[in-house]
C-alpha atoms as a PDB file:
ATOM      1  CA  MET A   1      -1.025  12.755   4.148  1.00  0.00           C
ATOM      2  CA  PHE A   2      -0.485  10.870   7.404  1.00  0.00           C
ATOM      3  CA  MET A   3       1.359   7.469   6.981  1.00  0.00           C
ATOM      4  CA  VAL A   4       0.741   4.765   9.589  1.00  0.00           C
ATOM      5  CA  MET A   5       3.930   2.840  10.244  1.00  0.00           C
ATOM      6  CA  VAL A   6       3.728  -0.661  11.652  1.00  0.00           C
ATOM      7  CA  LYS A   7       6.587  -2.674  13.158  1.00  0.00           C
ATOM      8  CA  VAL A   8       6.801  -6.154  11.761  1.00  0.00           C
ATOM      9  CA  LEU A   9       8.817  -8.881  13.537  1.00  0.00           C
ATOM     10  CA  VAL A  10      10.765 -11.099  11.112  1.00  0.00           C
ATOM     11  CA  ASP A  11      12.043 -14.368  12.680  1.00  0.00           C
ATOM     12  CA  ILE A  12      14.947 -15.567  10.446  1.00  0.00           C
ATOM     13  CA  ARG A  13      16.565 -18.918  11.080  1.00  0.00           C
ATOM     14  CA  PRO A  14      18.752 -21.376   9.264  1.00  0.00           C
ATOM     15  CA  SER A  15      18.367 -25.090   9.824  1.00  0.00           C
ATOM     16  CA  LEU A  16      19.883 -26.325  13.078  1.00  0.00           C
ATOM     17  CA  VAL A  17      22.533 -28.355  11.153  1.00  0.00           C
ATOM     18  CA  ALA A  18      23.824 -25.227   9.344  1.00  0.00           C
ATOM     19  CA  LEU A  19      23.350 -22.798  12.269  1.00  0.00           C
ATOM     20  CA  PRO A  20      27.050 -22.546  13.298  1.00  0.00           C
ATOM     21  CA  PHE A  21      28.144 -22.042   9.658  1.00  0.00           C
ATOM     22  CA  HIS A  22      25.632 -19.267   8.948  1.00  0.00           C
ATOM     23  CA  ARG A  23      26.281 -17.444  12.211  1.00  0.00           C
ATOM     24  CA  ALA A  24      30.021 -17.370  11.456  1.00  0.00           C
ATOM     25  CA  PHE A  25      29.976 -16.650   7.734  1.00  0.00           C
ATOM     26  CA  THR A  26      26.676 -15.166   6.511  1.00  0.00           C
ATOM     27  CA  ARG A  27      24.247 -12.264   7.190  1.00  0.00           C
ATOM     28  CA  PRO A  28      20.530 -12.364   6.392  1.00  0.00           C
ATOM     29  CA  VAL A  29      18.786  -9.451   4.591  1.00  0.00           C
ATOM     30  CA  VAL A  30      15.096  -8.518   4.451  1.00  0.00           C
ATOM     31  CA  GLU A  31      13.914  -6.680   1.394  1.00  0.00           C
ATOM     32  CA  ILE A  32      10.520  -4.938   1.364  1.00  0.00           C
ATOM     33  CA  ASP A  33       9.321  -3.351  -1.831  1.00  0.00           C
ATOM     34  CA  GLY A  34      12.858  -3.283  -3.237  1.00  0.00           C
ATOM     35  CA  VAL A  35      14.416  -1.652  -0.121  1.00  0.00           C
ATOM     36  CA  GLU A  36      16.969  -3.760   1.801  1.00  0.00           C
ATOM     37  CA  TRP A  37      17.108  -3.860   5.522  1.00  0.00           C
ATOM     38  CA  PRO A  38      20.156  -5.441   7.283  1.00  0.00           C
ATOM     39  CA  ALA A  39      18.971  -8.274   9.466  1.00  0.00           C
ATOM     40  CA  ARG A  40      20.394 -10.808  11.860  1.00  0.00           C
ATOM     41  CA  TRP A  41      19.819 -14.503  12.529  1.00  0.00           C
ATOM     42  CA  GLY A  42      16.999 -14.492  15.071  1.00  0.00           C
ATOM     43  CA  THR A  43      14.408 -11.681  15.288  1.00  0.00           C
ATOM     44  CA  THR A  44      14.637  -8.482  13.302  1.00  0.00           C
ATOM     45  CA  GLU A  45      12.160  -5.650  13.530  1.00  0.00           C
ATOM     46  CA  VAL A  46      11.252  -3.680  10.334  1.00  0.00           C
ATOM     47  CA  SER A  47       8.888  -0.688  10.189  1.00  0.00           C
ATOM     48  CA  VAL A  48       6.667  -0.514   7.098  1.00  0.00           C
ATOM     49  CA  GLU A  49       3.605   1.436   6.067  1.00  0.00           C
ATOM     50  CA  ALA A  50       0.226  -0.231   6.420  1.00  0.00           C
ATOM     51  CA  GLY A  51      -0.798  -1.940   3.201  1.00  0.00           C
ATOM     52  CA  ALA A  52       0.356  -4.608   0.817  1.00  0.00           C
ATOM     53  CA  HIS A  53       4.114  -5.293   0.386  1.00  0.00           C
ATOM     54  CA  GLU A  54       6.423  -7.625  -1.523  1.00  0.00           C
ATOM     55  CA  MET A  55       8.861  -9.184   0.906  1.00  0.00           C
ATOM     56  CA  ALA A  56      12.045 -11.190   0.197  1.00  0.00           C
ATOM     57  CA  VAL A  57      14.468 -12.779   2.691  1.00  0.00           C
ATOM     58  CA  PHE A  58      17.932 -13.893   1.570  1.00  0.00           C
ATOM     59  CA  PHE A  59      21.438 -14.115   2.899  1.00  0.00           C
ATOM     60  CA  ARG A  60      24.916 -12.958   1.784  1.00  0.00           C
ATOM     61  CA  TYR A  61      28.414 -14.069   2.828  1.00  0.00           C
ATOM     62  CA  LYS A  62      29.978 -11.454   5.094  1.00  0.00           C
ATOM     63  CA  GLY A  63      31.708  -8.801   3.014  1.00  0.00           C
ATOM     64  CA  GLN A  64      29.520  -9.340  -0.050  1.00  0.00           C
ATOM     65  CA  ARG A  65      27.237  -6.484  -1.136  1.00  0.00           C
ATOM     66  CA  ALA A  66      25.289  -7.738  -4.094  1.00  0.00           C
ATOM     67  CA  ALA A  67      24.671 -11.496  -3.732  1.00  0.00           C
ATOM     68  CA  ARG A  68      21.126 -12.799  -3.096  1.00  0.00           C
ATOM     69  CA  LEU A  69      21.402 -16.372  -1.882  1.00  0.00           C
ATOM     70  CA  GLY A  70      18.522 -18.585  -0.751  1.00  0.00           C
ATOM     71  CA  VAL A  71      15.871 -16.046  -1.780  1.00  0.00           C
ATOM     72  CA  GLY A  72      12.351 -16.689  -0.427  1.00  0.00           C
ATOM     73  CA  THR A  73       9.406 -14.319  -1.074  1.00  0.00           C
ATOM     74  CA  GLU A  74       6.047 -13.579   0.424  1.00  0.00           C
ATOM     75  CA  GLU A  75       3.240 -11.099  -0.195  1.00  0.00           C
ATOM     76  CA  LEU A  76       2.710  -9.324   3.080  1.00  0.00           C
ATOM     77  CA  THR A  77      -0.328  -7.295   4.035  1.00  0.00           C
ATOM     78  CA  VAL A  78       0.027  -5.137   7.105  1.00  0.00           C
ATOM     79  CA  HIS A  79      -3.068  -3.677   8.849  1.00  0.00           C
ATOM     80  CA  SER A  80      -2.732  -0.458  10.811  1.00  0.00           C
ATOM     81  CA  ASP A  81      -5.547  -1.405  13.229  1.00  0.00           C
ATOM     82  CA  ALA A  82      -4.171  -4.871  14.164  1.00  0.00           C
ATOM     83  CA  GLY A  83      -4.029  -5.403  17.882  1.00  0.00           C
ATOM     84  CA  ALA A  84      -1.142  -7.830  17.638  1.00  0.00           C
ATOM     85  CA  GLN A  85       2.247  -7.103  16.101  1.00  0.00           C
ATOM     86  CA  PRO A  86       2.567  -8.735  12.650  1.00  0.00           C
ATOM     87  CA  ARG A  87       5.061 -11.596  12.509  1.00  0.00           C
ATOM     88  CA  VAL A  88       6.827 -13.303   9.599  1.00  0.00           C
ATOM     89  CA  MET A  89       8.771 -16.523   9.835  1.00  0.00           C
ATOM     90  CA  ALA A  90      11.644 -17.186   7.384  1.00  0.00           C
ATOM     91  CA  ARG A  91      13.198 -20.678   7.541  1.00  0.00           C
ATOM     92  CA  LEU A  92      16.253 -21.688   5.511  1.00  0.00           C
ATOM     93  CA  GLY A  93      16.440 -25.275   4.445  1.00  0.00           C
ATOM     94  CA  PRO A  94      19.326 -27.632   5.506  1.00  0.00           C
ATOM     95  CA  ARG A  95      20.874 -28.294   2.097  1.00  0.00           C
ATOM     96  CA  ASN A  96      23.354 -26.090   0.286  1.00  0.00           C
ATOM     97  CA  GLY A  97      21.255 -24.308  -2.288  1.00  0.00           C
ATOM     98  CA  SER A  98      18.121 -24.382  -0.175  1.00  0.00           C
ATOM     99  CA  SER A  99      15.923 -21.275  -0.212  1.00  0.00           C
ATOM    100  CA  PHE A 100      13.989 -19.552   2.571  1.00  0.00           C
ATOM    101  CA  LYS A 101      10.371 -20.529   3.237  1.00  0.00           C
ATOM    102  CA  VAL A 102       8.781 -17.213   4.153  1.00  0.00           C
ATOM    103  CA  GLU A 103       5.292 -17.049   5.695  1.00  0.00           C
ATOM    104  CA  SER A 104       3.157 -14.723   7.820  1.00  0.00           C
ATOM    105  CA  VAL A 105       2.132 -16.189  11.155  1.00  0.00           C
END
């Protein structure tokens, strides 16, 4: 069976106040249907099959392998016939302990 893969752009940003801290000490991660994709602050491109997906965005301190800090989730539906590339915004709040707000745009 032929699978249609679609590239999704995920724009991941901390608050401006915390930006220097996060760039120096943390790494974001995108998880789609339980599979983790290393990401970066800014725009990350992830290829997924067309259809419905469960997406989570979180961060880890550099060197950690298991922590899931600031987790935000979103149900993502990707269409194979879409003319425009699907985009997701993930914004981390300014306070310590904030979680990501994740939404399709």
